[in-house]
Amino acid sequence: MRIWVTVVIVIMISGIAFSQVKVPTFSGQMFGDYYYVLQYHGPSEKNYQAFDYRRLDLAAMDTLSTDFLARFCVESDQSTSLSSGALGFAVKHAYLDWENAFWGTTARMGLQPTPAIDLSESVFGYRSLEKSIQDLHGISPFVDMGVALYRNFGKDLYATAEIGNNSGDLSSVDRYKRLYLQLTSAPKDGLIIGATVDYAGGPQRKYLRTGDLLVARKSAALSGGAETVVQAVEHGEPNGSTLKSFGISLNAAARIMRDFALVARYDYWQGDSKTRSTGQSLYLLAFDFAAMKNVHFMPNV
């Protein structure tokens, strides 16, 4: 078991506007860590500690007209570091939104978030502490290159359909695509329900099906909810049978004072439902102190 003790600083850069000159709105965020490994299954990692950054992104958004909006974002994390160990960046978002393209539907084209991970991060927050369960275990790509349609059916129902390369932020490597469908509802104040399914083709008939259900309740004092995910990969087992996986993520955040909150999370993920040894658990407890707007210190284990 690996226990992390980290302090996370989140810095949001507000929009910049220059008088009489129309420029994009710039924003950014940084998650910085100090961590200490208290316990680990390998002796080489135990008692290791360091200052590091977990994530850094810079974004520009430009409202081209009343109907068109463009966003471009680059991100740096440990996966984008150069071979020399130096800081590296990768494109995270590069898309164009066409609002009211037809019948009240918004069309999005380019490298964009995928529905399930985007919903989970927006509802539960605290991406600075850990990725969502789908993103953490690579169940779905967190972004995909493709085309999406968004439609609001009244104030309580929102639908998304997206088709992408299923290659994340990398170039497409085959002819197969991934289809994402999502319905989100907010039937009562603070209650959010989201259901997402996706299907992807693959070589050697390894077709992939994923289902995700998120139920959450948000309020100023207490927020929490659960996300469950199941996935099946046809012909995914060595003997040609279907590989089935499942997981659950429980999230809670309680505001105990104006600038202080307590955050807790538990995940369980089993990569192969037939083999209990593939099970993985995540326990997370954090104390969120808001030093000022958009600057947070989060000691956590």
C-alpha atoms as a PDB file:
ATOM      1  CA  MET A   1       0.000   0.000   0.000  1.00  0.00           C
ATOM      2  CA  ARG A   2       1.256   3.447  -0.887  1.00  0.00           C
ATOM      3  CA  ILE A   3       0.220   6.359   1.310  1.00  0.00           C
ATOM      4  CA  TRP A   4       0.721   9.888   0.073  1.00  0.00           C
ATOM      5  CA  VAL A   5       0.877  12.959   2.256  1.00  0.00           C
ATOM      6  CA  THR A   6       0.632  15.975  -0.011  1.00  0.00           C
ATOM      7  CA  VAL A   7      -0.117  19.650   0.057  1.00  0.00           C
ATOM      8  CA  VAL A   8      -1.927  20.844  -3.052  1.00  0.00           C
ATOM      9  CA  ILE A   9      -1.984  24.444  -4.214  1.00  0.00           C
ATOM     10  CA  VAL A  10      -4.573  25.311  -6.850  1.00  0.00           C
ATOM     11  CA  ILE A  11      -4.088  28.619  -8.637  1.00  0.00           C
ATOM     12  CA  MET A  12      -6.648  29.878 -11.117  1.00  0.00           C
ATOM     13  CA  ILE A  13      -5.649  32.706 -13.409  1.00  0.00           C
ATOM     14  CA  SER A  14      -8.571  35.002 -14.009  1.00  0.00           C
ATOM     15  CA  GLY A  15      -9.524  36.288 -17.435  1.00  0.00           C
ATOM     16  CA  ILE A  16      -7.407  39.076 -18.855  1.00  0.00           C
ATOM     17  CA  ALA A  17      -9.006  41.895 -20.767  1.00  0.00           C
ATOM     18  CA  PHE A  18      -7.246  44.756 -22.490  1.00  0.00           C
ATOM     19  CA  SER A  19      -9.166  47.938 -23.159  1.00  0.00           C
ATOM     20  CA  GLN A  20     -10.417  48.421 -26.707  1.00  0.00           C
ATOM     21  CA  VAL A  21      -8.731  45.210 -27.898  1.00  0.00           C
ATOM     22  CA  LYS A  22     -10.656  41.962 -28.219  1.00  0.00           C
ATOM     23  CA  VAL A  23      -8.463  39.114 -27.013  1.00  0.00           C
ATOM     24  CA  PRO A  24      -9.217  35.570 -25.837  1.00  0.00           C
ATOM     25  CA  THR A  25      -9.944  34.887 -22.184  1.00  0.00           C
ATOM     26  CA  PHE A  26      -6.947  33.177 -20.596  1.00  0.00           C
ATOM     27  CA  SER A  27      -7.135  30.840 -17.633  1.00  0.00           C
ATOM     28  CA  GLY A  28      -4.950  28.281 -15.944  1.00  0.00           C
ATOM     29  CA  GLN A  29      -4.441  26.096 -12.933  1.00  0.00           C
ATOM     30  CA  MET A  30      -1.608  24.367 -11.121  1.00  0.00           C
ATOM     31  CA  PHE A  31      -1.594  21.520  -8.594  1.00  0.00           C
ATOM     32  CA  GLY A  32       1.653  21.400  -6.650  1.00  0.00           C
ATOM     33  CA  ASP A  33       2.649  18.703  -4.135  1.00  0.00           C
ATOM     34  CA  TYR A  34       4.866  17.921  -1.257  1.00  0.00           C
ATOM     35  CA  TYR A  35       4.571  14.181  -0.637  1.00  0.00           C
ATOM     36  CA  TYR A  36       6.010  11.651   1.775  1.00  0.00           C
ATOM     37  CA  VAL A  37       5.680   7.886   1.241  1.00  0.00           C
ATOM     38  CA  LEU A  38       4.875   6.443   4.673  1.00  0.00           C
ATOM     39  CA  GLN A  39       4.292   2.882   3.519  1.00  0.00           C
ATOM     40  CA  TYR A  40       4.875   1.011   0.274  1.00  0.00           C
ATOM     41  CA  HIS A  41       5.088  -2.632  -0.818  1.00  0.00           C
ATOM     42  CA  GLY A  42       8.643  -2.039  -2.130  1.00  0.00           C
ATOM     43  CA  PRO A  43      11.360  -0.924   0.312  1.00  0.00           C
ATOM     44  CA  SER A  44      12.974   1.412  -2.227  1.00  0.00           C
ATOM     45  CA  GLU A  45       9.977   3.784  -2.143  1.00  0.00           C
ATOM     46  CA  LYS A  46       9.353   3.844   1.601  1.00  0.00           C
ATOM     47  CA  ASN A  47      10.207   7.175   3.271  1.00  0.00           C
ATOM     48  CA  TYR A  48      10.719   8.801  -0.129  1.00  0.00           C
ATOM     49  CA  GLN A  49       9.632  12.444  -0.183  1.00  0.00           C
ATOM     50  CA  ALA A  50       9.808  15.325  -2.648  1.00  0.00           C
ATOM     51  CA  PHE A  51       8.334  18.577  -3.905  1.00  0.00           C
ATOM     52  CA  ASP A  52       6.616  18.121  -7.246  1.00  0.00           C
ATOM     53  CA  TYR A  53       3.824  19.372  -9.444  1.00  0.00           C
ATOM     54  CA  ARG A  54       0.935  17.129 -10.329  1.00  0.00           C
ATOM     55  CA  ARG A  55      -0.756  19.105 -13.054  1.00  0.00           C
ATOM     56  CA  LEU A  56      -0.400  22.421 -14.857  1.00  0.00           C
ATOM     57  CA  ASP A  57      -2.598  23.710 -17.649  1.00  0.00           C
ATOM     58  CA  LEU A  58      -3.002  26.936 -19.582  1.00  0.00           C
ATOM     59  CA  ALA A  59      -6.076  27.662 -21.676  1.00  0.00           C
ATOM     60  CA  ALA A  60      -7.396  30.291 -24.049  1.00  0.00           C
ATOM     61  CA  MET A  61     -11.062  30.690 -24.955  1.00  0.00           C
ATOM     62  CA  ASP A  62     -12.276  33.013 -27.684  1.00  0.00           C
ATOM     63  CA  THR A  63     -15.879  33.949 -28.408  1.00  0.00           C
ATOM     64  CA  LEU A  64     -15.675  34.376 -32.155  1.00  0.00           C
ATOM     65  CA  SER A  65     -19.324  35.396 -32.513  1.00  0.00           C
ATOM     66  CA  THR A  66     -22.675  34.801 -30.838  1.00  0.00           C
ATOM     67  CA  ASP A  67     -22.685  31.270 -32.280  1.00  0.00           C
ATOM     68  CA  PHE A  68     -19.025  30.225 -32.351  1.00  0.00           C
ATOM     69  CA  LEU A  69     -16.588  29.684 -29.501  1.00  0.00           C
ATOM     70  CA  ALA A  70     -13.067  28.234 -29.660  1.00  0.00           C
ATOM     71  CA  ARG A  71     -10.991  26.720 -26.816  1.00  0.00           C
ATOM     72  CA  PHE A  72      -7.339  25.692 -26.811  1.00  0.00           C
ATOM     73  CA  CYS A  73      -5.616  24.219 -23.749  1.00  0.00           C
ATOM     74  CA  VAL A  74      -2.195  22.691 -23.106  1.00  0.00           C
ATOM     75  CA  GLU A  75      -1.430  20.573 -20.057  1.00  0.00           C
ATOM     76  CA  SER A  76       1.639  19.286 -18.276  1.00  0.00           C
ATOM     77  CA  ASP A  77       1.801  16.374 -15.848  1.00  0.00           C
ATOM     78  CA  GLN A  78       4.175  13.504 -15.142  1.00  0.00           C
ATOM     79  CA  SER A  79       3.143  11.711 -18.342  1.00  0.00           C
ATOM     80  CA  THR A  80       4.214  14.674 -20.507  1.00  0.00           C
ATOM     81  CA  SER A  81       7.725  15.055 -19.032  1.00  0.00           C
ATOM     82  CA  LEU A  82      10.537  14.882 -21.566  1.00  0.00           C
ATOM     83  CA  SER A  83      13.078  12.061 -21.571  1.00  0.00           C
ATOM     84  CA  SER A  84      15.505  14.414 -19.869  1.00  0.00           C
ATOM     85  CA  GLY A  85      13.015  14.909 -17.031  1.00  0.00           C
ATOM     86  CA  ALA A  86      12.282  18.502 -18.060  1.00  0.00           C
ATOM     87  CA  LEU A  87       8.780  19.968 -18.029  1.00  0.00           C
ATOM     88  CA  GLY A  88       6.773  19.047 -21.131  1.00  0.00           C
ATOM     89  CA  PHE A  89       3.347  20.034 -22.448  1.00  0.00           C
ATOM     90  CA  ALA A  90       0.689  18.255 -24.484  1.00  0.00           C
ATOM     91  CA  VAL A  91      -2.473  19.572 -26.130  1.00  0.00           C
ATOM     92  CA  LYS A  92      -5.471  18.808 -23.905  1.00  0.00           C
ATOM     93  CA  HIS A  93      -8.290  20.670 -25.680  1.00  0.00           C
ATOM     94  CA  ALA A  94      -8.555  22.116 -29.168  1.00  0.00           C
ATOM     95  CA  TYR A  95     -12.157  22.445 -30.249  1.00  0.00           C
ATOM     96  CA  LEU A  96     -14.762  24.697 -31.827  1.00  0.00           C
ATOM     97  CA  ASP A  97     -18.312  25.052 -30.466  1.00  0.00           C
ATOM     98  CA  TRP A  98     -21.131  25.952 -32.834  1.00  0.00           C
ATOM     99  CA  GLU A  99     -24.110  26.915 -30.729  1.00  0.00           C
ATOM    100  CA  ASN A 100     -27.598  26.393 -32.167  1.00  0.00           C
ATOM    101  CA  ALA A 101     -26.141  24.603 -35.160  1.00  0.00           C
ATOM    102  CA  PHE A 102     -29.579  23.082 -35.777  1.00  0.00           C
ATOM    103  CA  TRP A 103     -32.809  22.722 -33.771  1.00  0.00           C
ATOM    104  CA  GLY A 104     -31.273  24.108 -30.593  1.00  0.00           C
ATOM    105  CA  THR A 105     -28.355  21.667 -30.699  1.00  0.00           C
ATOM    106  CA  THR A 106     -24.747  22.711 -30.077  1.00  0.00           C
ATOM    107  CA  ALA A 107     -22.055  20.983 -32.155  1.00  0.00           C
ATOM    108  CA  ARG A 108     -18.479  20.582 -30.929  1.00  0.00           C
ATOM    109  CA  MET A 109     -15.614  19.605 -33.239  1.00  0.00           C
ATOM    110  CA  GLY A 110     -12.027  18.768 -32.271  1.00  0.00           C
ATOM    111  CA  LEU A 111     -10.105  17.414 -29.271  1.00  0.00           C
ATOM    112  CA  GLN A 112     -12.620  17.573 -26.437  1.00  0.00           C
ATOM    113  CA  PRO A 113     -13.567  16.053 -23.043  1.00  0.00           C
ATOM    114  CA  THR A 114     -15.394  12.711 -22.977  1.00  0.00           C
ATOM    115  CA  PRO A 115     -18.830  12.758 -21.304  1.00  0.00           C
ATOM    116  CA  ALA A 116     -18.467  10.451 -18.260  1.00  0.00           C
ATOM    117  CA  ILE A 117     -15.145  11.817 -16.996  1.00  0.00           C
ATOM    118  CA  ASP A 118     -16.164  15.414 -17.676  1.00  0.00           C
ATOM    119  CA  LEU A 119     -19.400  14.960 -15.682  1.00  0.00           C
ATOM    120  CA  SER A 120     -17.648  13.243 -12.765  1.00  0.00           C
ATOM    121  CA  GLU A 121     -15.016  15.971 -12.446  1.00  0.00           C
ATOM    122  CA  SER A 122     -17.571  18.771 -12.682  1.00  0.00           C
ATOM    123  CA  VAL A 123     -19.896  17.199 -10.063  1.00  0.00           C
ATOM    124  CA  PHE A 124     -17.441  15.857  -7.481  1.00  0.00           C
ATOM    125  CA  GLY A 125     -14.601  18.312  -8.073  1.00  0.00           C
ATOM    126  CA  TYR A 126     -11.262  17.883  -6.306  1.00  0.00           C
ATOM    127  CA  ARG A 127      -9.420  16.797  -9.437  1.00  0.00           C
ATOM    128  CA  SER A 128      -6.417  18.299  -7.641  1.00  0.00           C
ATOM    129  CA  LEU A 129      -6.478  15.330  -5.247  1.00  0.00           C
ATOM    130  CA  GLU A 130      -7.045  12.464  -7.689  1.00  0.00           C
ATOM    131  CA  LYS A 131      -8.456  11.605 -11.100  1.00  0.00           C
ATOM    132  CA  SER A 132     -11.994  10.240 -11.415  1.00  0.00           C
ATOM    133  CA  ILE A 133     -12.322   6.448 -11.310  1.00  0.00           C
ATOM    134  CA  GLN A 134     -12.668   6.147 -15.097  1.00  0.00           C
ATOM    135  CA  ASP A 135      -9.675   8.393 -15.755  1.00  0.00           C
ATOM    136  CA  LEU A 136      -7.551   6.784 -13.024  1.00  0.00           C
ATOM    137  CA  HIS A 137      -7.918   3.266 -14.429  1.00  0.00           C
ATOM    138  CA  GLY A 138      -7.953   4.165 -18.120  1.00  0.00           C
ATOM    139  CA  ILE A 139     -11.516   2.913 -18.565  1.00  0.00           C
ATOM    140  CA  SER A 140     -12.250   5.702 -21.030  1.00  0.00           C
ATOM    141  CA  PRO A 141      -9.975   8.335 -22.539  1.00  0.00           C
ATOM    142  CA  PHE A 142     -10.318  11.662 -20.726  1.00  0.00           C
ATOM    143  CA  VAL A 143     -10.347  13.471 -24.084  1.00  0.00           C
ATOM    144  CA  ASP A 144     -10.999  12.297 -27.620  1.00  0.00           C
ATOM    145  CA  MET A 145     -10.753  13.726 -31.123  1.00  0.00           C
ATOM    146  CA  GLY A 146     -14.145  13.784 -32.779  1.00  0.00           C
ATOM    147  CA  VAL A 147     -17.545  15.434 -33.074  1.00  0.00           C
ATOM    148  CA  ALA A 148     -20.181  15.867 -30.358  1.00  0.00           C
ATOM    149  CA  LEU A 149     -23.757  17.124 -30.190  1.00  0.00           C
ATOM    150  CA  TYR A 150     -25.274  18.711 -27.060  1.00  0.00           C
ATOM    151  CA  ARG A 151     -28.978  19.342 -26.536  1.00  0.00           C
ATOM    152  CA  ASN A 152     -30.875  20.761 -23.575  1.00  0.00           C
ATOM    153  CA  PHE A 153     -34.411  19.347 -23.286  1.00  0.00           C
ATOM    154  CA  GLY A 154     -35.671  21.800 -20.697  1.00  0.00           C
ATOM    155  CA  LYS A 155     -34.004  22.707 -17.416  1.00  0.00           C
ATOM    156  CA  ASP A 156     -33.939  19.149 -16.056  1.00  0.00           C
ATOM    157  CA  LEU A 157     -32.644  17.016 -18.945  1.00  0.00           C
ATOM    158  CA  TYR A 158     -29.458  17.313 -20.982  1.00  0.00           C
ATOM    159  CA  ALA A 159     -28.252  14.927 -23.706  1.00  0.00           C
ATOM    160  CA  THR A 160     -24.821  14.370 -25.252  1.00  0.00           C
ATOM    161  CA  ALA A 161     -23.746  12.250 -28.210  1.00  0.00           C
ATOM    162  CA  GLU A 162     -20.098  12.045 -29.233  1.00  0.00           C
ATOM    163  CA  ILE A 163     -18.093   9.984 -31.697  1.00  0.00           C
ATOM    164  CA  GLY A 164     -14.317   9.942 -31.498  1.00  0.00           C
ATOM    165  CA  ASN A 165     -11.142   8.105 -32.462  1.00  0.00           C
ATOM    166  CA  ASN A 166     -10.860   6.371 -29.048  1.00  0.00           C
ATOM    167  CA  SER A 167      -7.200   7.390 -28.967  1.00  0.00           C
ATOM    168  CA  GLY A 168      -7.249  10.047 -26.225  1.00  0.00           C
ATOM    169  CA  ASP A 169      -4.916  12.956 -26.946  1.00  0.00           C
ATOM    170  CA  LEU A 170      -2.866  10.823 -29.372  1.00  0.00           C
ATOM    171  CA  SER A 171      -3.191  10.489 -33.122  1.00  0.00           C
ATOM    172  CA  SER A 172      -5.588   7.858 -34.427  1.00  0.00           C
ATOM    173  CA  VAL A 173      -3.895   4.475 -34.862  1.00  0.00           C
ATOM    174  CA  ASP A 174      -6.692   2.448 -36.479  1.00  0.00           C
ATOM    175  CA  ARG A 175     -10.031   2.763 -38.260  1.00  0.00           C
ATOM    176  CA  TYR A 176     -12.176   1.988 -35.217  1.00  0.00           C
ATOM    177  CA  LYS A 177     -14.243   4.634 -33.442  1.00  0.00           C
ATOM    178  CA  ARG A 178     -15.923   5.079 -30.058  1.00  0.00           C
ATOM    179  CA  LEU A 179     -19.514   6.257 -29.591  1.00  0.00           C
ATOM    180  CA  TYR A 180     -20.501   7.989 -26.338  1.00  0.00           C
ATOM    181  CA  LEU A 181     -24.108   8.672 -25.259  1.00  0.00           C
ATOM    182  CA  GLN A 182     -25.110  10.484 -22.073  1.00  0.00           C
ATOM    183  CA  LEU A 183     -28.276  11.701 -20.357  1.00  0.00           C
ATOM    184  CA  THR A 184     -28.016  14.055 -17.379  1.00  0.00           C
ATOM    185  CA  SER A 185     -30.930  15.112 -15.202  1.00  0.00           C
ATOM    186  CA  ALA A 186     -31.327  17.502 -12.268  1.00  0.00           C
ATOM    187  CA  PRO A 187     -34.900  16.761 -11.116  1.00  0.00           C
ATOM    188  CA  LYS A 188     -34.544  18.556  -7.757  1.00  0.00           C
ATOM    189  CA  ASP A 189     -32.338  21.304  -6.376  1.00  0.00           C
ATOM    190  CA  GLY A 190     -28.887  19.862  -5.800  1.00  0.00           C
ATOM    191  CA  LEU A 191     -29.712  16.373  -7.119  1.00  0.00           C
ATOM    192  CA  ILE A 192     -27.784  15.249 -10.208  1.00  0.00           C
ATOM    193  CA  ILE A 193     -28.207  11.959 -12.074  1.00  0.00           C
ATOM    194  CA  GLY A 194     -26.048  11.057 -15.055  1.00  0.00           C
ATOM    195  CA  ALA A 195     -26.080   7.880 -17.155  1.00  0.00           C
ATOM    196  CA  THR A 196     -23.407   7.287 -19.794  1.00  0.00           C
ATOM    197  CA  VAL A 197     -22.860   4.386 -22.173  1.00  0.00           C
ATOM    198  CA  ASP A 198     -20.217   3.958 -24.841  1.00  0.00           C
ATOM    199  CA  TYR A 199     -19.270   1.406 -27.461  1.00  0.00           C
ATOM    200  CA  ALA A 200     -15.995   0.985 -29.315  1.00  0.00           C
ATOM    201  CA  GLY A 201     -14.868  -1.287 -32.097  1.00  0.00           C
ATOM    202  CA  GLY A 202     -11.484  -2.943 -32.071  1.00  0.00           C
ATOM    203  CA  PRO A 203      -9.164  -5.321 -33.881  1.00  0.00           C
ATOM    204  CA  GLN A 204      -9.640  -9.086 -33.442  1.00  0.00           C
ATOM    205  CA  ARG A 205     -13.311  -8.417 -32.585  1.00  0.00           C
ATOM    206  CA  LYS A 206     -12.390  -6.962 -29.195  1.00  0.00           C
ATOM    207  CA  TYR A 207     -15.478  -4.785 -29.016  1.00  0.00           C
ATOM    208  CA  LEU A 208     -15.813  -2.682 -25.884  1.00  0.00           C
ATOM    209  CA  ARG A 209     -18.958  -1.657 -23.984  1.00  0.00           C
ATOM    210  CA  THR A 210     -18.972   0.647 -20.939  1.00  0.00           C
ATOM    211  CA  GLY A 211     -21.754   1.827 -18.652  1.00  0.00           C
ATOM    212  CA  ASP A 212     -21.487   4.568 -16.029  1.00  0.00           C
ATOM    213  CA  LEU A 213     -24.104   5.762 -13.534  1.00  0.00           C
ATOM    214  CA  LEU A 214     -23.533   8.823 -11.334  1.00  0.00           C
ATOM    215  CA  VAL A 215     -25.887   9.983  -8.581  1.00  0.00           C
ATOM    216  CA  ALA A 216     -24.961  12.986  -6.421  1.00  0.00           C
ATOM    217  CA  ARG A 217     -26.443  15.621  -4.151  1.00  0.00           C
ATOM    218  CA  LYS A 218     -24.780  19.008  -3.828  1.00  0.00           C
ATOM    219  CA  SER A 219     -25.369  21.741  -1.267  1.00  0.00           C
ATOM    220  CA  ALA A 220     -23.360  24.513   0.337  1.00  0.00           C
ATOM    221  CA  ALA A 221     -22.790  22.521   3.549  1.00  0.00           C
ATOM    222  CA  LEU A 222     -22.619  18.893   2.415  1.00  0.00           C
ATOM    223  CA  SER A 223     -22.120  17.223  -0.958  1.00  0.00           C
ATOM    224  CA  GLY A 224     -21.676  13.600  -1.877  1.00  0.00           C
ATOM    225  CA  GLY A 225     -22.550  10.834  -4.243  1.00  0.00           C
ATOM    226  CA  ALA A 226     -21.570   7.624  -5.959  1.00  0.00           C
ATOM    227  CA  GLU A 227     -20.342   6.664  -9.397  1.00  0.00           C
ATOM    228  CA  THR A 228     -20.494   3.073 -10.617  1.00  0.00           C
ATOM    229  CA  VAL A 229     -18.917   1.775 -13.806  1.00  0.00           C
ATOM    230  CA  VAL A 230     -18.992  -1.559 -15.621  1.00  0.00           C
ATOM    231  CA  GLN A 231     -17.103  -2.558 -18.733  1.00  0.00           C
ATOM    232  CA  ALA A 232     -17.070  -5.596 -21.004  1.00  0.00           C
ATOM    233  CA  VAL A 233     -14.478  -6.389 -23.664  1.00  0.00           C
ATOM    234  CA  GLU A 234     -15.602  -9.115 -26.042  1.00  0.00           C
ATOM    235  CA  HIS A 235     -12.840 -11.685 -26.692  1.00  0.00           C
ATOM    236  CA  GLY A 236     -10.774  -9.861 -24.073  1.00  0.00           C
ATOM    237  CA  GLU A 237      -9.780 -12.965 -22.100  1.00  0.00           C
ATOM    238  CA  PRO A 238      -6.893 -15.197 -23.298  1.00  0.00           C
ATOM    239  CA  ASN A 239      -9.399 -17.997 -23.988  1.00  0.00           C
ATOM    240  CA  GLY A 240     -11.550 -15.699 -26.123  1.00  0.00           C
ATOM    241  CA  SER A 241     -14.306 -15.094 -23.568  1.00  0.00           C
ATOM    242  CA  THR A 242     -15.553 -11.672 -22.475  1.00  0.00           C
ATOM    243  CA  LEU A 243     -13.431  -9.707 -20.007  1.00  0.00           C
ATOM    244  CA  LYS A 244     -15.704  -7.995 -17.465  1.00  0.00           C
ATOM    245  CA  SER A 245     -14.664  -5.213 -15.085  1.00  0.00           C
ATOM    246  CA  PHE A 246     -16.508  -3.109 -12.544  1.00  0.00           C
ATOM    247  CA  GLY A 247     -15.896  -0.368 -10.023  1.00  0.00           C
ATOM    248  CA  ILE A 248     -17.473   2.118  -7.641  1.00  0.00           C
ATOM    249  CA  SER A 249     -16.405   5.512  -6.346  1.00  0.00           C
ATOM    250  CA  LEU A 250     -17.929   7.117  -3.217  1.00  0.00           C
ATOM    251  CA  ASN A 251     -17.309  10.830  -2.703  1.00  0.00           C
ATOM    252  CA  ALA A 252     -18.198  13.258   0.090  1.00  0.00           C
ATOM    253  CA  ALA A 253     -17.281  16.829   1.042  1.00  0.00           C
ATOM    254  CA  ALA A 254     -18.460  18.681   4.168  1.00  0.00           C
ATOM    255  CA  ARG A 255     -17.896  22.383   4.758  1.00  0.00           C
ATOM    256  CA  ILE A 256     -17.125  22.671   8.465  1.00  0.00           C
ATOM    257  CA  MET A 257     -16.302  26.399   8.403  1.00  0.00           C
ATOM    258  CA  ARG A 258     -16.421  29.132   5.782  1.00  0.00           C
ATOM    259  CA  ASP A 259     -12.884  28.442   4.531  1.00  0.00           C
ATOM    260  CA  PHE A 260     -12.473  24.827   5.661  1.00  0.00           C
ATOM    261  CA  ALA A 261     -13.861  21.593   4.225  1.00  0.00           C
ATOM    262  CA  LEU A 262     -13.331  17.902   4.909  1.00  0.00           C
ATOM    263  CA  VAL A 263     -13.110  15.644   1.835  1.00  0.00           C
ATOM    264  CA  ALA A 264     -13.343  11.853   1.748  1.00  0.00           C
ATOM    265  CA  ARG A 265     -13.331   9.317  -1.065  1.00  0.00           C
ATOM    266  CA  TYR A 266     -13.320   5.541  -1.438  1.00  0.00           C
ATOM    267  CA  ASP A 267     -12.863   3.651  -4.720  1.00  0.00           C
ATOM    268  CA  TYR A 268     -12.932  -0.028  -5.540  1.00  0.00           C
ATOM    269  CA  TRP A 269     -11.964  -1.269  -8.992  1.00  0.00           C
ATOM    270  CA  GLN A 270     -11.752  -4.874 -10.182  1.00  0.00           C
ATOM    271  CA  GLY A 271     -10.148  -5.208 -13.581  1.00  0.00           C
ATOM    272  CA  ASP A 272     -11.330  -8.817 -14.037  1.00  0.00           C
ATOM    273  CA  SER A 273     -14.552  -9.878 -12.329  1.00  0.00           C
ATOM    274  CA  LYS A 274     -13.390 -13.519 -12.383  1.00  0.00           C
ATOM    275  CA  THR A 275     -10.165 -12.824 -10.481  1.00  0.00           C
ATOM    276  CA  ARG A 276     -10.410 -11.227  -7.040  1.00  0.00           C
ATOM    277  CA  SER A 277      -6.659 -10.555  -7.019  1.00  0.00           C
ATOM    278  CA  THR A 278      -7.235  -7.798  -9.598  1.00  0.00           C
ATOM    279  CA  GLY A 279      -9.176  -5.722  -7.058  1.00  0.00           C
ATOM    280  CA  GLN A 280      -7.773  -2.311  -6.127  1.00  0.00           C
ATOM    281  CA  SER A 281      -8.967   0.043  -3.390  1.00  0.00           C
ATOM    282  CA  LEU A 282      -8.350   3.755  -2.953  1.00  0.00           C
ATOM    283  CA  TYR A 283      -8.848   5.566   0.367  1.00  0.00           C
ATOM    284  CA  LEU A 284      -8.530   9.343   0.382  1.00  0.00           C
ATOM    285  CA  LEU A 285      -9.026  11.827   3.214  1.00  0.00           C
ATOM    286  CA  ALA A 286      -8.220  15.524   2.794  1.00  0.00           C
ATOM    287  CA  PHE A 287      -8.562  18.833   4.588  1.00  0.00           C
ATOM    288  CA  ASP A 288      -9.302  21.721   2.231  1.00  0.00           C
ATOM    289  CA  PHE A 289      -8.281  25.194   3.398  1.00  0.00           C
ATOM    290  CA  ALA A 290      -9.177  28.084   1.065  1.00  0.00           C
ATOM    291  CA  ALA A 291      -6.537  30.729   1.757  1.00  0.00           C
ATOM    292  CA  MET A 292      -8.268  32.987  -0.757  1.00  0.00           C
ATOM    293  CA  LYS A 293     -10.426  32.608  -3.816  1.00  0.00           C
ATOM    294  CA  ASN A 294      -8.895  29.927  -6.096  1.00  0.00           C
ATOM    295  CA  VAL A 295      -5.902  29.260  -3.786  1.00  0.00           C
ATOM    296  CA  HIS A 296      -6.323  26.073  -1.736  1.00  0.00           C
ATOM    297  CA  PHE A 297      -4.056  24.071   0.575  1.00  0.00           C
ATOM    298  CA  MET A 298      -5.103  20.421   0.869  1.00  0.00           C
ATOM    299  CA  PRO A 299      -3.154  18.150   3.226  1.00  0.00           C
ATOM    300  CA  ASN A 300      -4.283  14.609   2.391  1.00  0.00           C
ATOM    301  CA  VAL A 301      -3.538  10.928   2.851  1.00  0.00           C
END
